[in-house]
Every structure is written in structure tokens, then in C-alpha cells.
Protein backbone atom coordinates (compact mmCIF):
# COMPACT_ATOMS: atom_id res chain seq x y z
CA MET A 1 53.35 -32.28 -2.12
CA GLN A 2 50.39 -30.07 -1.29
CA LYS A 3 49.27 -26.60 -2.73
CA PHE A 4 48.83 -23.69 -0.63
CA GLN A 5 47.03 -20.51 -1.96
CA ASP A 6 45.85 -17.22 -0.40
CA ALA A 7 45.43 -13.58 -0.95
CA VAL A 8 46.88 -10.47 0.63
CA PHE A 9 44.93 -7.33 1.18
CA ASN A 10 46.20 -3.91 1.88
CA THR A 11 45.30 -1.60 4.89
CA LEU A 12 42.31 -0.40 2.82
CA ASN A 13 41.08 -3.95 2.46
CA GLN A 14 41.94 -3.89 -1.28
CA PRO A 15 44.13 -6.55 -3.04
CA ALA A 16 47.68 -5.86 -2.58
CA SER A 17 49.72 -6.45 -5.74
CA GLY A 18 53.44 -6.81 -5.71
CA VAL A 19 53.69 -7.72 -2.13
CA SER A 20 56.52 -10.04 -0.93
CA VAL A 21 55.52 -13.41 0.59
CA LEU A 22 58.57 -15.30 2.21
CA VAL A 23 58.09 -18.98 3.09
CA ARG A 24 60.01 -20.46 5.86
CA PRO A 25 59.93 -23.67 7.97
CA THR A 26 58.20 -22.82 11.25
CA GLY A 27 60.60 -21.65 13.94
CA VAL A 28 63.49 -20.93 11.50
CA THR A 29 64.51 -17.56 10.79
CA THR A 30 67.67 -18.06 8.56
CA GLN A 31 66.45 -20.42 6.04
CA THR A 32 63.69 -20.42 3.18
CA SER A 33 61.61 -23.31 2.30
CA THR A 34 61.91 -24.84 -1.22
CA ILE A 35 58.69 -24.33 -2.94
CA TYR A 36 57.41 -25.40 -6.40
CA GLY A 37 55.13 -24.20 -9.16
CA ASP A 38 53.68 -27.53 -9.92
CA ILE A 39 52.53 -30.74 -7.89
CA ALA A 40 55.23 -32.89 -9.46
CA GLY A 41 57.92 -30.71 -7.89
CA THR A 42 59.81 -30.12 -11.09
CA ALA A 43 59.44 -26.34 -11.28
CA THR A 44 61.07 -24.57 -8.22
CA ARG A 45 59.77 -21.03 -7.50
CA ALA A 46 61.58 -18.07 -6.22
CA ASN A 47 61.04 -17.54 -2.47
CA PRO A 48 60.08 -14.82 -1.65
CA LEU A 49 57.07 -15.01 -3.90
CA THR A 50 55.17 -11.83 -5.29
CA THR A 51 51.52 -11.42 -5.27
CA ASP A 52 49.69 -10.93 -8.60
CA SER A 53 47.55 -8.07 -9.54
CA ASN A 54 44.70 -9.53 -7.35
CA GLY A 55 46.75 -10.00 -4.24
CA ARG A 56 46.95 -13.74 -4.95
CA PHE A 57 49.73 -16.16 -4.46
CA SER A 58 50.19 -19.91 -4.48
CA PHE A 59 52.75 -22.59 -4.35
CA TYR A 60 53.41 -26.27 -3.78
CA ALA A 61 55.56 -27.71 -0.99
CA ALA A 62 56.25 -30.98 0.63
CA ASP A 63 54.15 -31.73 3.73
CA CYS A 64 55.59 -29.51 6.52
CA ARG A 65 54.75 -26.85 8.94
CA PHE A 66 55.74 -23.29 7.66
CA SER A 67 55.56 -19.75 8.19
CA LEU A 68 54.82 -16.82 5.97
CA THR A 69 56.25 -13.28 6.34
CA ILE A 70 54.20 -10.67 4.24
CA SER A 71 55.76 -7.45 3.52
CA GLY A 72 55.48 -4.54 0.91
CA ASN A 73 53.82 -1.21 0.13
CA GLY A 74 50.43 -0.69 1.56
CA VAL A 75 50.55 -3.66 4.14
CA THR A 76 51.62 -4.01 7.58
CA THR A 77 54.59 -6.55 7.85
CA THR A 78 53.09 -9.68 9.22
CA THR A 79 54.26 -13.13 10.01
CA VAL A 80 51.68 -16.03 10.03
CA THR A 81 53.13 -19.08 11.77
CA VAL A 82 52.23 -22.60 11.96
CA ILE A 83 50.57 -23.32 8.72
CA LEU A 84 50.45 -27.09 8.23
CA LEU A 85 50.42 -28.87 4.76
CA VAL A 86 49.62 -32.63 5.02
């Protein structure tokens, strides 16, 4: 189980709050990944996640390759592929 954290910025390079971050296994478009709020894997989190007031988000997941689809007001919808947790 590994932690992934990042931040999203809008088109004006300001933190983007309330933006959706969808976590999927790499190469899969019909399934979401199971993500957790703690390292023990006891608290599943909603997927997609929503960024906080500073544009930040984080989750724990089993070692895997995954992609993120980021979308919402003030951001260009983007998919980041082949993120590796090991």
C-alpha cells in the first residue's frame, strides 16, 4: 500500500478547489480503482476524489499502475497515464 498525493492548478495557475480526480487502472476506461484514506486499507474513499481548498488530493492504493482523469470548473480536462505506485 502506497500513498499518492498531488495538487491541481487552474488555467490561471491558482489552486483548483472542488475539482474531480478519477483514479483508474492504466488502460482501463470502464472501471475505477479501489482507493483508501489510510495506509492500513481500512477506510475506502470515494472515487472520484475532490480536491480541497488548496487544490490538493491524496489517497492510498495497492502497488499498481494507474491513470488520473482531472476535470472540473477552471481546469482543462486532462488524463495523466502510467503513474506507478511501488
